[in-house]
Amino acid sequence: DWLANGALRVVVDEVYPVDRIAEAVAH
């Protein structure tokens, strides 16, 4: 509900494809 009305937002540092999962976990 908070996300829907804009009261809460997500902070994303970086996006990895699943083929690079080891890099994502290390990060």
mmCIF file of all heavy atoms, coordinates in Angstrom:
data_MODEL
# 
_entry.id   MODEL 
# 
loop_
_atom_site.group_PDB 
_atom_site.id 
_atom_site.type_symbol 
_atom_site.label_atom_id 
_atom_site.label_alt_id 
_atom_site.label_comp_id 
_atom_site.label_asym_id 
_atom_site.label_entity_id 
_atom_site.label_seq_id 
_atom_site.pdbx_PDB_ins_code 
_atom_site.Cartn_x 
_atom_site.Cartn_y 
_atom_site.Cartn_z 
_atom_site.occupancy 
_atom_site.B_iso_or_equiv 
_atom_site.pdbx_formal_charge 
_atom_site.auth_seq_id 
_atom_site.auth_comp_id 
_atom_site.auth_asym_id 
_atom_site.auth_atom_id 
_atom_site.pdbx_PDB_model_num 
ATOM 1   N N   . ASP A 1 1  ? 0.836  -1.204  0.000   1.00 0.00 ? 1  ASP A N   1 
ATOM 2   C CA  . ASP A 1 1  ? 0.000  0.000   0.000   1.00 0.00 ? 1  ASP A CA  1 
ATOM 3   C C   . ASP A 1 1  ? 0.869  1.253   0.000   1.00 0.00 ? 1  ASP A C   1 
ATOM 4   O O   . ASP A 1 1  ? 0.575  2.224   -0.721  1.00 0.00 ? 1  ASP A O   1 
ATOM 5   C CB  . ASP A 1 1  ? -0.928 -0.007  1.212   1.00 0.00 ? 1  ASP A CB  1 
ATOM 6   C CG  . ASP A 1 1  ? -1.980 -1.108  1.144   1.00 0.00 ? 1  ASP A CG  1 
ATOM 7   O OD1 . ASP A 1 1  ? -2.212 -1.658  0.046   1.00 0.00 ? 1  ASP A OD1 1 
ATOM 8   O OD2 . ASP A 1 1  ? -2.544 -1.447  2.214   1.00 0.00 ? 1  ASP A OD2 1 
ATOM 9   N N   . TRP A 1 2  ? 1.917  1.265   0.817   1.00 0.00 ? 2  TRP A N   1 
ATOM 10  C CA  . TRP A 1 2  ? 2.825  2.419   0.836   1.00 0.00 ? 2  TRP A CA  1 
ATOM 11  C C   . TRP A 1 2  ? 3.525  2.591   -0.506  1.00 0.00 ? 2  TRP A C   1 
ATOM 12  O O   . TRP A 1 2  ? 3.693  3.706   -0.992  1.00 0.00 ? 2  TRP A O   1 
ATOM 13  C CB  . TRP A 1 2  ? 3.855  2.246   1.945   1.00 0.00 ? 2  TRP A CB  1 
ATOM 14  C CG  . TRP A 1 2  ? 3.356  2.595   3.309   1.00 0.00 ? 2  TRP A CG  1 
ATOM 15  C CD1 . TRP A 1 2  ? 2.411  3.520   3.642   1.00 0.00 ? 2  TRP A CD1 1 
ATOM 16  C CD2 . TRP A 1 2  ? 3.801  2.033   4.549   1.00 0.00 ? 2  TRP A CD2 1 
ATOM 17  N NE1 . TRP A 1 2  ? 2.237  3.566   5.009   1.00 0.00 ? 2  TRP A NE1 1 
ATOM 18  C CE2 . TRP A 1 2  ? 3.078  2.672   5.592   1.00 0.00 ? 2  TRP A CE2 1 
ATOM 19  C CE3 . TRP A 1 2  ? 4.739  1.056   4.884   1.00 0.00 ? 2  TRP A CE3 1 
ATOM 20  C CZ2 . TRP A 1 2  ? 3.264  2.360   6.928   1.00 0.00 ? 2  TRP A CZ2 1 
ATOM 21  C CZ3 . TRP A 1 2  ? 4.937  0.737   6.226   1.00 0.00 ? 2  TRP A CZ3 1 
ATOM 22  C CH2 . TRP A 1 2  ? 4.205  1.392   7.233   1.00 0.00 ? 2  TRP A CH2 1 
ATOM 23  N N   . LEU A 1 3  ? 3.945  1.481   -1.108  1.00 0.00 ? 3  LEU A N   1 
ATOM 24  C CA  . LEU A 1 3  ? 4.608  1.548   -2.405  1.00 0.00 ? 3  LEU A CA  1 
ATOM 25  C C   . LEU A 1 3  ? 3.651  2.048   -3.477  1.00 0.00 ? 3  LEU A C   1 
ATOM 26  O O   . LEU A 1 3  ? 4.039  2.805   -4.376  1.00 0.00 ? 3  LEU A O   1 
ATOM 27  C CB  . LEU A 1 3  ? 5.150  0.167   -2.783  1.00 0.00 ? 3  LEU A CB  1 
ATOM 28  C CG  . LEU A 1 3  ? 6.344  -0.322  -1.946  1.00 0.00 ? 3  LEU A CG  1 
ATOM 29  C CD1 . LEU A 1 3  ? 6.485  -1.835  -2.063  1.00 0.00 ? 3  LEU A CD1 1 
ATOM 30  C CD2 . LEU A 1 3  ? 7.634  0.370   -2.389  1.00 0.00 ? 3  LEU A CD2 1 
ATOM 31  N N   . ALA A 1 4  ? 2.394  1.641   -3.386  1.00 0.00 ? 4  ALA A N   1 
ATOM 32  C CA  . ALA A 1 4  ? 1.409  2.025   -4.387  1.00 0.00 ? 4  ALA A CA  1 
ATOM 33  C C   . ALA A 1 4  ? 1.127  3.526   -4.369  1.00 0.00 ? 4  ALA A C   1 
ATOM 34  O O   . ALA A 1 4  ? 0.930  4.143   -5.428  1.00 0.00 ? 4  ALA A O   1 
ATOM 35  C CB  . ALA A 1 4  ? 0.114  1.244   -4.174  1.00 0.00 ? 4  ALA A CB  1 
ATOM 36  N N   . ASN A 1 5  ? 1.100  4.123   -3.166  1.00 0.00 ? 5  ASN A N   1 
ATOM 37  C CA  . ASN A 1 5  ? 0.774  5.555   -3.102  1.00 0.00 ? 5  ASN A CA  1 
ATOM 38  C C   . ASN A 1 5  ? 2.009  6.449   -3.070  1.00 0.00 ? 5  ASN A C   1 
ATOM 39  O O   . ASN A 1 5  ? 1.884  7.673   -2.905  1.00 0.00 ? 5  ASN A O   1 
ATOM 40  C CB  . ASN A 1 5  ? -0.148 5.846   -1.902  1.00 0.00 ? 5  ASN A CB  1 
ATOM 41  C CG  . ASN A 1 5  ? 0.535  5.583   -0.555  1.00 0.00 ? 5  ASN A CG  1 
ATOM 42  O OD1 . ASN A 1 5  ? 1.754  5.620   -0.419  1.00 0.00 ? 5  ASN A OD1 1 
ATOM 43  N ND2 . ASN A 1 5  ? -0.293 5.308   0.470   1.00 0.00 ? 5  ASN A ND2 1 
ATOM 44  N N   . GLY A 1 6  ? 3.195  5.857   -3.224  1.00 0.00 ? 6  GLY A N   1 
ATOM 45  C CA  . GLY A 1 6  ? 4.419  6.638   -3.302  1.00 0.00 ? 6  GLY A CA  1 
ATOM 46  C C   . GLY A 1 6  ? 5.012  7.040   -1.975  1.00 0.00 ? 6  GLY A C   1 
ATOM 47  O O   . GLY A 1 6  ? 6.025  7.758   -1.931  1.00 0.00 ? 6  GLY A O   1 
ATOM 48  N N   . ALA A 1 7  ? 4.412  6.593   -0.866  1.00 0.00 ? 7  ALA A N   1 
ATOM 49  C CA  . ALA A 1 7  ? 4.943  6.937   0.452   1.00 0.00 ? 7  ALA A CA  1 
ATOM 50  C C   . ALA A 1 7  ? 6.253  6.219   0.740   1.00 0.00 ? 7  ALA A C   1 
ATOM 51  O O   . ALA A 1 7  ? 7.066  6.673   1.556   1.00 0.00 ? 7  ALA A O   1 
ATOM 52  C CB  . ALA A 1 7  ? 3.920  6.606   1.534   1.00 0.00 ? 7  ALA A CB  1 
ATOM 53  N N   . LEU A 1 8  ? 6.471  5.076   0.087   1.00 0.00 ? 8  LEU A N   1 
ATOM 54  C CA  . LEU A 1 8  ? 7.679  4.275   0.270   1.00 0.00 ? 8  LEU A CA  1 
ATOM 55  C C   . LEU A 1 8  ? 8.270  4.017   -1.107  1.00 0.00 ? 8  LEU A C   1 
ATOM 56  O O   . LEU A 1 8  ? 7.548  3.714   -2.056  1.00 0.00 ? 8  LEU A O   1 
ATOM 57  C CB  . LEU A 1 8  ? 7.321  2.950   0.945   1.00 0.00 ? 8  LEU A CB  1 
ATOM 58  C CG  . LEU A 1 8  ? 8.458  1.972   1.277   1.00 0.00 ? 8  LEU A CG  1 
ATOM 59  C CD1 . LEU A 1 8  ? 9.375  2.567   2.349   1.00 0.00 ? 8  LEU A CD1 1 
ATOM 60  C CD2 . LEU A 1 8  ? 7.887  0.634   1.770   1.00 0.00 ? 8  LEU A CD2 1 
ATOM 61  N N   . ARG A 1 9  ? 9.587  4.150   -1.210  1.00 0.00 ? 9  ARG A N   1 
ATOM 62  C CA  . ARG A 1 9  ? 10.230 3.864   -2.489  1.00 0.00 ? 9  ARG A CA  1 
ATOM 63  C C   . ARG A 1 9  ? 11.425 2.946   -2.280  1.00 0.00 ? 9  ARG A C   1 
ATOM 64  O O   . ARG A 1 9  ? 11.979 2.849   -1.178  1.00 0.00 ? 9  ARG A O   1 
ATOM 65  C CB  . ARG A 1 9  ? 10.632 5.140   -3.220  1.00 0.00 ? 9  ARG A CB  1 
ATOM 66  C CG  . ARG A 1 9  ? 11.731 5.972   -2.577  1.00 0.00 ? 9  ARG A CG  1 
ATOM 67  C CD  . ARG A 1 9  ? 11.888 7.270   -3.337  1.00 0.00 ? 9  ARG A CD  1 
ATOM 68  N NE  . ARG A 1 9  ? 12.936 8.123   -2.805  1.00 0.00 ? 9  ARG A NE  1 
ATOM 69  C CZ  . ARG A 1 9  ? 14.185 8.131   -3.255  1.00 0.00 ? 9  ARG A CZ  1 
ATOM 70  N NH1 . ARG A 1 9  ? 14.547 7.318   -4.231  1.00 0.00 ? 9  ARG A NH1 1 
ATOM 71  N NH2 . ARG A 1 9  ? 15.088 8.954   -2.738  1.00 0.00 ? 9  ARG A NH2 1 
ATOM 72  N N   . VAL A 1 10 ? 11.808 2.305   -3.353  1.00 0.00 ? 10 VAL A N   1 
ATOM 73  C CA  . VAL A 1 10 ? 12.902 1.335   -3.327  1.00 0.00 ? 10 VAL A CA  1 
ATOM 74  C C   . VAL A 1 10 ? 14.172 2.006   -3.830  1.00 0.00 ? 10 VAL A C   1 
ATOM 75  O O   . VAL A 1 10 ? 14.143 2.724   -4.837  1.00 0.00 ? 10 VAL A O   1 
ATOM 76  C CB  . VAL A 1 10 ? 12.575 0.114   -4.198  1.00 0.00 ? 10 VAL A CB  1 
ATOM 77  C CG1 . VAL A 1 10 ? 13.710 -0.901  -4.156  1.00 0.00 ? 10 VAL A CG1 1 
ATOM 78  C CG2 . VAL A 1 10 ? 11.257 -0.519  -3.758  1.00 0.00 ? 10 VAL A CG2 1 
ATOM 79  N N   . VAL A 1 11 ? 15.283 1.770   -3.137  1.00 0.00 ? 11 VAL A N   1 
ATOM 80  C CA  . VAL A 1 11 ? 16.592 2.243   -3.590  1.00 0.00 ? 11 VAL A CA  1 
ATOM 81  C C   . VAL A 1 11 ? 17.351 1.051   -4.156  1.00 0.00 ? 11 VAL A C   1 
ATOM 82  O O   . VAL A 1 11 ? 17.607 0.080   -3.452  1.00 0.00 ? 11 VAL A O   1 
ATOM 83  C CB  . VAL A 1 11 ? 17.385 2.880   -2.432  1.00 0.00 ? 11 VAL A CB  1 
ATOM 84  C CG1 . VAL A 1 11 ? 18.767 3.316   -2.911  1.00 0.00 ? 11 VAL A CG1 1 
ATOM 85  C CG2 . VAL A 1 11 ? 16.622 4.069   -1.848  1.00 0.00 ? 11 VAL A CG2 1 
ATOM 86  N N   . VAL A 1 12 ? 17.669 1.108   -5.436  1.00 0.00 ? 12 VAL A N   1 
ATOM 87  C CA  . VAL A 1 12 ? 18.386 0.026   -6.114  1.00 0.00 ? 12 VAL A CA  1 
ATOM 88  C C   . VAL A 1 12 ? 19.798 0.482   -6.425  1.00 0.00 ? 12 VAL A C   1 
ATOM 89  O O   . VAL A 1 12 ? 20.008 1.517   -7.064  1.00 0.00 ? 12 VAL A O   1 
ATOM 90  C CB  . VAL A 1 12 ? 17.661 -0.398  -7.406  1.00 0.00 ? 12 VAL A CB  1 
ATOM 91  C CG1 . VAL A 1 12 ? 18.501 -1.391  -8.198  1.00 0.00 ? 12 VAL A CG1 1 
ATOM 92  C CG2 . VAL A 1 12 ? 16.306 -0.999  -7.073  1.00 0.00 ? 12 VAL A CG2 1 
ATOM 93  N N   . ASP A 1 13 ? 20.759 -0.295  -5.975  1.00 0.00 ? 13 ASP A N   1 
ATOM 94  C CA  . ASP A 1 13 ? 22.168 0.037   -6.201  1.00 0.00 ? 13 ASP A CA  1 
ATOM 95  C C   . ASP A 1 13 ? 22.604 -0.394  -7.595  1.00 0.00 ? 13 ASP A C   1 
ATOM 96  O O   . ASP A 1 13 ? 23.171 0.385   -8.347  1.00 0.00 ? 13 ASP A O   1 
ATOM 97  C CB  . ASP A 1 13 ? 23.038 -0.643  -5.141  1.00 0.00 ? 13 ASP A CB  1 
ATOM 98  C CG  . ASP A 1 13 ? 24.506 -0.290  -5.282  1.00 0.00 ? 13 ASP A CG  1 
ATOM 99  O OD1 . ASP A 1 13 ? 24.912 0.737   -4.714  1.00 0.00 ? 13 ASP A OD1 1 
ATOM 100 O OD2 . ASP A 1 13 ? 25.244 -1.037  -5.969  1.00 0.00 ? 13 ASP A OD2 1 
ATOM 101 N N   . GLU A 1 14 ? 22.351 -1.664  -7.938  1.00 0.00 ? 14 GLU A N   1 
ATOM 102 C CA  . GLU A 1 14 ? 22.764 -2.183  -9.239  1.00 0.00 ? 14 GLU A CA  1 
ATOM 103 C C   . GLU A 1 14 ? 21.902 -3.390  -9.594  1.00 0.00 ? 14 GLU A C   1 
ATOM 104 O O   . GLU A 1 14 ? 21.392 -4.081  -8.710  1.00 0.00 ? 14 GLU A O   1 
ATOM 105 C CB  . GLU A 1 14 ? 24.245 -2.583  -9.217  1.00 0.00 ? 14 GLU A CB  1 
ATOM 106 C CG  . GLU A 1 14 ? 24.854 -2.797  -10.587 1.00 0.00 ? 14 GLU A CG  1 
ATOM 107 C CD  . GLU A 1 14 ? 26.377 -2.756  -10.591 1.00 0.00 ? 14 GLU A CD  1 
ATOM 108 O OE1 . GLU A 1 14 ? 26.973 -2.328  -9.578  1.00 0.00 ? 14 GLU A OE1 1 
ATOM 109 O OE2 . GLU A 1 14 ? 26.949 -3.155  -11.621 1.00 0.00 ? 14 GLU A OE2 1 
ATOM 110 N N   . VAL A 1 15 ? 21.757 -3.620  -10.901 1.00 0.00 ? 15 VAL A N   1 
ATOM 111 C CA  . VAL A 1 15 ? 20.948 -4.731  -11.404 1.00 0.00 ? 15 VAL A CA  1 
ATOM 112 C C   . VAL A 1 15 ? 21.843 -5.681  -12.182 1.00 0.00 ? 15 VAL A C   1 
ATOM 113 O O   . VAL A 1 15 ? 22.596 -5.254  -13.059 1.00 0.00 ? 15 VAL A O   1 
ATOM 114 C CB  . VAL A 1 15 ? 19.804 -4.225  -12.308 1.00 0.00 ? 15 VAL A CB  1 
ATOM 115 C CG1 . VAL A 1 15 ? 18.984 -5.399  -12.825 1.00 0.00 ? 15 VAL A CG1 1 
ATOM 116 C CG2 . VAL A 1 15 ? 18.920 -3.234  -11.557 1.00 0.00 ? 15 VAL A CG2 1 
ATOM 117 N N   . TYR A 1 16 ? 21.758 -6.988  -11.841 1.00 0.00 ? 16 TYR A N   1 
ATOM 118 C CA  . TYR A 1 16 ? 22.546 -8.016  -12.506 1.00 0.00 ? 16 TYR A CA  1 
ATOM 119 C C   . TYR A 1 16 ? 21.616 -9.046  -13.135 1.00 0.00 ? 16 TYR A C   1 
ATOM 120 O O   . TYR A 1 16 ? 20.612 -9.415  -12.525 1.00 0.00 ? 16 TYR A O   1 
ATOM 121 C CB  . TYR A 1 16 ? 23.444 -8.760  -11.509 1.00 0.00 ? 16 TYR A CB  1 
ATOM 122 C CG  . TYR A 1 16 ? 24.554 -7.957  -10.894 1.00 0.00 ? 16 TYR A CG  1 
ATOM 123 C CD1 . TYR A 1 16 ? 24.319 -7.146  -9.787  1.00 0.00 ? 16 TYR A CD1 1 
ATOM 124 C CD2 . TYR A 1 16 ? 25.854 -8.040  -11.384 1.00 0.00 ? 16 TYR A CD2 1 
ATOM 125 C CE1 . TYR A 1 16 ? 25.341 -6.424  -9.199  1.00 0.00 ? 16 TYR A CE1 1 
ATOM 126 C CE2 . TYR A 1 16 ? 26.892 -7.330  -10.796 1.00 0.00 ? 16 TYR A CE2 1 
ATOM 127 C CZ  . TYR A 1 16 ? 26.626 -6.522  -9.708  1.00 0.00 ? 16 TYR A CZ  1 
ATOM 128 O OH  . TYR A 1 16 ? 27.647 -5.814  -9.124  1.00 0.00 ? 16 TYR A OH  1 
ATOM 129 N N   . PRO A 1 17 ? 21.958 -9.551  -14.317 1.00 0.00 ? 17 PRO A N   1 
ATOM 130 C CA  . PRO A 1 17 ? 21.221 -10.712 -14.828 1.00 0.00 ? 17 PRO A CA  1 
ATOM 131 C C   . PRO A 1 17 ? 21.606 -11.953 -14.033 1.00 0.00 ? 17 PRO A C   1 
ATOM 132 O O   . PRO A 1 17 ? 22.694 -12.010 -13.436 1.00 0.00 ? 17 PRO A O   1 
ATOM 133 C CB  . PRO A 1 17 ? 21.695 -10.811 -16.284 1.00 0.00 ? 17 PRO A CB  1 
ATOM 134 C CG  . PRO A 1 17 ? 23.058 -10.215 -16.276 1.00 0.00 ? 17 PRO A CG  1 
ATOM 135 C CD  . PRO A 1 17 ? 23.016 -9.112  -15.245 1.00 0.00 ? 17 PRO A CD  1 
ATOM 136 N N   . VAL A 1 18 ? 20.747 -12.950 -14.001 1.00 0.00 ? 18 VAL A N   1 
ATOM 137 C CA  . VAL A 1 18 ? 20.996 -14.131 -13.183 1.00 0.00 ? 18 VAL A CA  1 
ATOM 138 C C   . VAL A 1 18 ? 22.275 -14.855 -13.606 1.00 0.00 ? 18 VAL A C   1 
ATOM 139 O O   . VAL A 1 18 ? 22.916 -15.525 -12.781 1.00 0.00 ? 18 VAL A O   1 
ATOM 140 C CB  . VAL A 1 18 ? 19.779 -15.076 -13.226 1.00 0.00 ? 18 VAL A CB  1 
ATOM 141 C CG1 . VAL A 1 18 ? 19.659 -15.772 -14.574 1.00 0.00 ? 18 VAL A CG1 1 
ATOM 142 C CG2 . VAL A 1 18 ? 19.827 -16.082 -12.088 1.00 0.00 ? 18 VAL A CG2 1 
ATOM 143 N N   . ASP A 1 19 ? 22.689 -14.713 -14.862 1.00 0.00 ? 19 ASP A N   1 
ATOM 144 C CA  . ASP A 1 19 ? 23.937 -15.348 -15.302 1.00 0.00 ? 19 ASP A CA  1 
ATOM 145 C C   . ASP A 1 19 ? 25.156 -14.773 -14.584 1.00 0.00 ? 19 ASP A C   1 
ATOM 146 O O   . ASP A 1 19 ? 26.215 -15.407 -14.571 1.00 0.00 ? 19 ASP A O   1 
ATOM 147 C CB  . ASP A 1 19 ? 24.117 -15.179 -16.814 1.00 0.00 ? 19 ASP A CB  1 
ATOM 148 C CG  . ASP A 1 19 ? 23.091 -15.976 -17.602 1.00 0.00 ? 19 ASP A CG  1 
ATOM 149 O OD1 . ASP A 1 19 ? 22.624 -17.013 -17.084 1.00 0.00 ? 19 ASP A OD1 1 
ATOM 150 O OD2 . ASP A 1 19 ? 22.740 -15.565 -18.720 1.00 0.00 ? 19 ASP A OD2 1 
ATOM 151 N N   . ARG A 1 20 ? 25.003 -13.598 -13.969 1.00 0.00 ? 20 ARG A N   1 
ATOM 152 C CA  . ARG A 1 20 ? 26.107 -12.968 -13.226 1.00 0.00 ? 20 ARG A CA  1 
ATOM 153 C C   . ARG A 1 20 ? 25.815 -12.994 -11.722 1.00 0.00 ? 20 ARG A C   1 
ATOM 154 O O   . ARG A 1 20 ? 26.198 -12.104 -10.989 1.00 0.00 ? 20 ARG A O   1 
ATOM 155 C CB  . ARG A 1 20 ? 26.316 -11.536 -13.719 1.00 0.00 ? 20 ARG A CB  1 
ATOM 156 C CG  . ARG A 1 20 ? 26.783 -11.437 -15.162 1.00 0.00 ? 20 ARG A CG  1 
ATOM 157 C CD  . ARG A 1 20 ? 26.776 -9.997  -15.643 1.00 0.00 ? 20 ARG A CD  1 
ATOM 158 N NE  . ARG A 1 20 ? 27.605 -9.131  -14.808 1.00 0.00 ? 20 ARG A NE  1 
ATOM 159 C CZ  . ARG A 1 20 ? 27.523 -7.789  -14.805 1.00 0.00 ? 20 ARG A CZ  1 
ATOM 160 N NH1 . ARG A 1 20 ? 26.607 -7.179  -15.545 1.00 0.00 ? 20 ARG A NH1 1 
ATOM 161 N NH2 . ARG A 1 20 ? 28.314 -7.076  -14.020 1.00 0.00 ? 20 ARG A NH2 1 
ATOM 162 N N   . ILE A 1 21 ? 25.144 -14.042 -11.263 1.00 0.00 ? 21 ILE A N   1 
ATOM 163 C CA  . ILE A 1 21 ? 24.716 -14.123 -9.872  1.00 0.00 ? 21 ILE A CA  1 
ATOM 164 C C   . ILE A 1 21 ? 25.897 -14.075 -8.907  1.00 0.00 ? 21 ILE A C   1 
ATOM 165 O O   . ILE A 1 21 ? 25.808 -13.475 -7.834  1.00 0.00 ? 21 ILE A O   1 
ATOM 166 C CB  . ILE A 1 21 ? 23.870 -15.397 -9.624  1.00 0.00 ? 21 ILE A CB  1 
ATOM 167 C CG1 . ILE A 1 21 ? 23.286 -15.408 -8.204  1.00 0.00 ? 21 ILE A CG1 1 
ATOM 168 C CG2 . ILE A 1 21 ? 24.668 -16.669 -9.902  1.00 0.00 ? 21 ILE A CG2 1 
ATOM 169 C CD1 . ILE A 1 21 ? 22.292 -14.314 -7.931  1.00 0.00 ? 21 ILE A CD1 1 
ATOM 170 N N   . ALA A 1 22 ? 27.030 -14.678 -9.260  1.00 0.00 ? 22 ALA A N   1 
ATOM 171 C CA  . ALA A 1 22 ? 28.192 -14.658 -8.358  1.00 0.00 ? 22 ALA A CA  1 
ATOM 172 C C   . ALA A 1 22 ? 28.666 -13.228 -8.123  1.00 0.00 ? 22 ALA A C   1 
ATOM 173 O O   . ALA A 1 22 ? 29.005 -12.847 -6.996  1.00 0.00 ? 22 ALA A O   1 
ATOM 174 C CB  . ALA A 1 22 ? 29.320 -15.515 -8.931  1.00 0.00 ? 22 ALA A CB  1 
ATOM 175 N N   . GLU A 1 23 ? 28.679 -12.412 -9.182  1.00 0.00 ? 23 GLU A N   1 
ATOM 176 C CA  . GLU A 1 23 ? 29.071 -11.011 -9.031  1.00 0.00 ? 23 GLU A CA  1 
ATOM 177 C C   . GLU A 1 23 ? 28.069 -10.262 -8.159  1.00 0.00 ? 23 GLU A C   1 
ATOM 178 O O   . GLU A 1 23 ? 28.462 -9.423  -7.332  1.00 0.00 ? 23 GLU A O   1 
ATOM 179 C CB  . GLU A 1 23 ? 29.152 -10.332 -10.394 1.00 0.00 ? 23 GLU A CB  1 
ATOM 180 C CG  . GLU A 1 23 ? 30.238 -10.846 -11.316 1.00 0.00 ? 23 GLU A CG  1 
ATOM 181 C CD  . GLU A 1 23 ? 30.146 -10.182 -12.678 1.00 0.00 ? 23 GLU A CD  1 
ATOM 182 O OE1 . GLU A 1 23 ? 30.238 -8.934  -12.736 1.00 0.00 ? 23 GLU A OE1 1 
ATOM 183 O OE2 . GLU A 1 23 ? 29.963 -10.900 -13.681 1.00 0.00 ? 23 GLU A OE2 1 
ATOM 184 N N   . ALA A 1 24 ? 26.796 -10.549 -8.347  1.00 0.00 ? 24 ALA A N   1 
ATOM 185 C CA  . ALA A 1 24 ? 25.764 -9.878  -7.565  1.00 0.00 ? 24 ALA A CA  1 
ATOM 186 C C   . ALA A 1 24 ? 25.905 -10.181 -6.078  1.00 0.00 ? 24 ALA A C   1 
ATOM 187 O O   . ALA A 1 24 ? 25.831 -9.280  -5.233  1.00 0.00 ? 24 ALA A O   1 
ATOM 188 C CB  . ALA A 1 24 ? 24.380 -10.299 -8.067  1.00 0.00 ? 24 ALA A CB  1 
ATOM 189 N N   . VAL A 1 25 ? 26.117 -11.451 -5.759  1.00 0.00 ? 25 VAL A N   1 
ATOM 190 C CA  . VAL A 1 25 ? 26.264 -11.835 -4.345  1.00 0.00 ? 25 VAL A CA  1 
ATOM 191 C C   . VAL A 1 25 ? 27.527 -11.219 -3.755  1.00 0.00 ? 25 VAL A C   1 
ATOM 192 O O   . VAL A 1 25 ? 27.521 -10.709 -2.624  1.00 0.00 ? 25 VAL A O   1 
ATOM 193 C CB  . VAL A 1 25 ? 26.276 -13.365 -4.198  1.00 0.00 ? 25 VAL A CB  1 
ATOM 194 C CG1 . VAL A 1 25 ? 26.598 -13.768 -2.762  1.00 0.00 ? 25 VAL A CG1 1 
ATOM 195 C CG2 . VAL A 1 25 ? 24.927 -13.951 -4.613  1.00 0.00 ? 25 VAL A CG2 1 
ATOM 196 N N   . ALA A 1 26 ? 28.621 -11.238 -4.500  1.00 0.00 ? 26 ALA A N   1 
ATOM 197 C CA  . ALA A 1 26 ? 29.875 -10.640 -4.012  1.00 0.00 ? 26 ALA A CA  1 
ATOM 198 C C   . ALA A 1 26 ? 29.688 -9.151  -3.751  1.00 0.00 ? 26 ALA A C   1 
ATOM 199 O O   . ALA A 1 26 ? 30.183 -8.615  -2.747  1.00 0.00 ? 26 ALA A O   1 
ATOM 200 C CB  . ALA A 1 26 ? 30.987 -10.873 -5.028  1.00 0.00 ? 26 ALA A CB  1 
ATOM 201 N N   . HIS A 1 27 ? 28.968 -8.478  -4.627  1.00 0.00 ? 27 HIS A N   1 
ATOM 202 C CA  . HIS A 1 27 ? 28.717 -7.046  -4.458  1.00 0.00 ? 27 HIS A CA  1 
ATOM 203 C C   . HIS A 1 27 ? 27.892 -6.793  -3.203  1.00 0.00 ? 27 HIS A C   1 
ATOM 204 O O   . HIS A 1 27 ? 28.200 -5.892  -2.409  1.00 0.00 ? 27 HIS A O   1 
ATOM 205 C CB  . HIS A 1 27 ? 28.000 -6.512  -5.694  1.00 0.00 ? 27 HIS A CB  1 
ATOM 206 C CG  . HIS A 1 27 ? 27.730 -5.045  -5.662  1.00 0.00 ? 27 HIS A CG  1 
ATOM 207 N ND1 . HIS A 1 27 ? 28.681 -4.104  -5.318  1.00 0.00 ? 27 HIS A ND1 1 
ATOM 208 C CD2 . HIS A 1 27 ? 26.592 -4.332  -5.934  1.00 0.00 ? 27 HIS A CD2 1 
ATOM 209 C CE1 . HIS A 1 27 ? 28.169 -2.892  -5.375  1.00 0.00 ? 27 HIS A CE1 1 
ATOM 210 N NE2 . HIS A 1 27 ? 26.889 -3.002  -5.738  1.00 0.00 ? 27 HIS A NE2 1 
# 
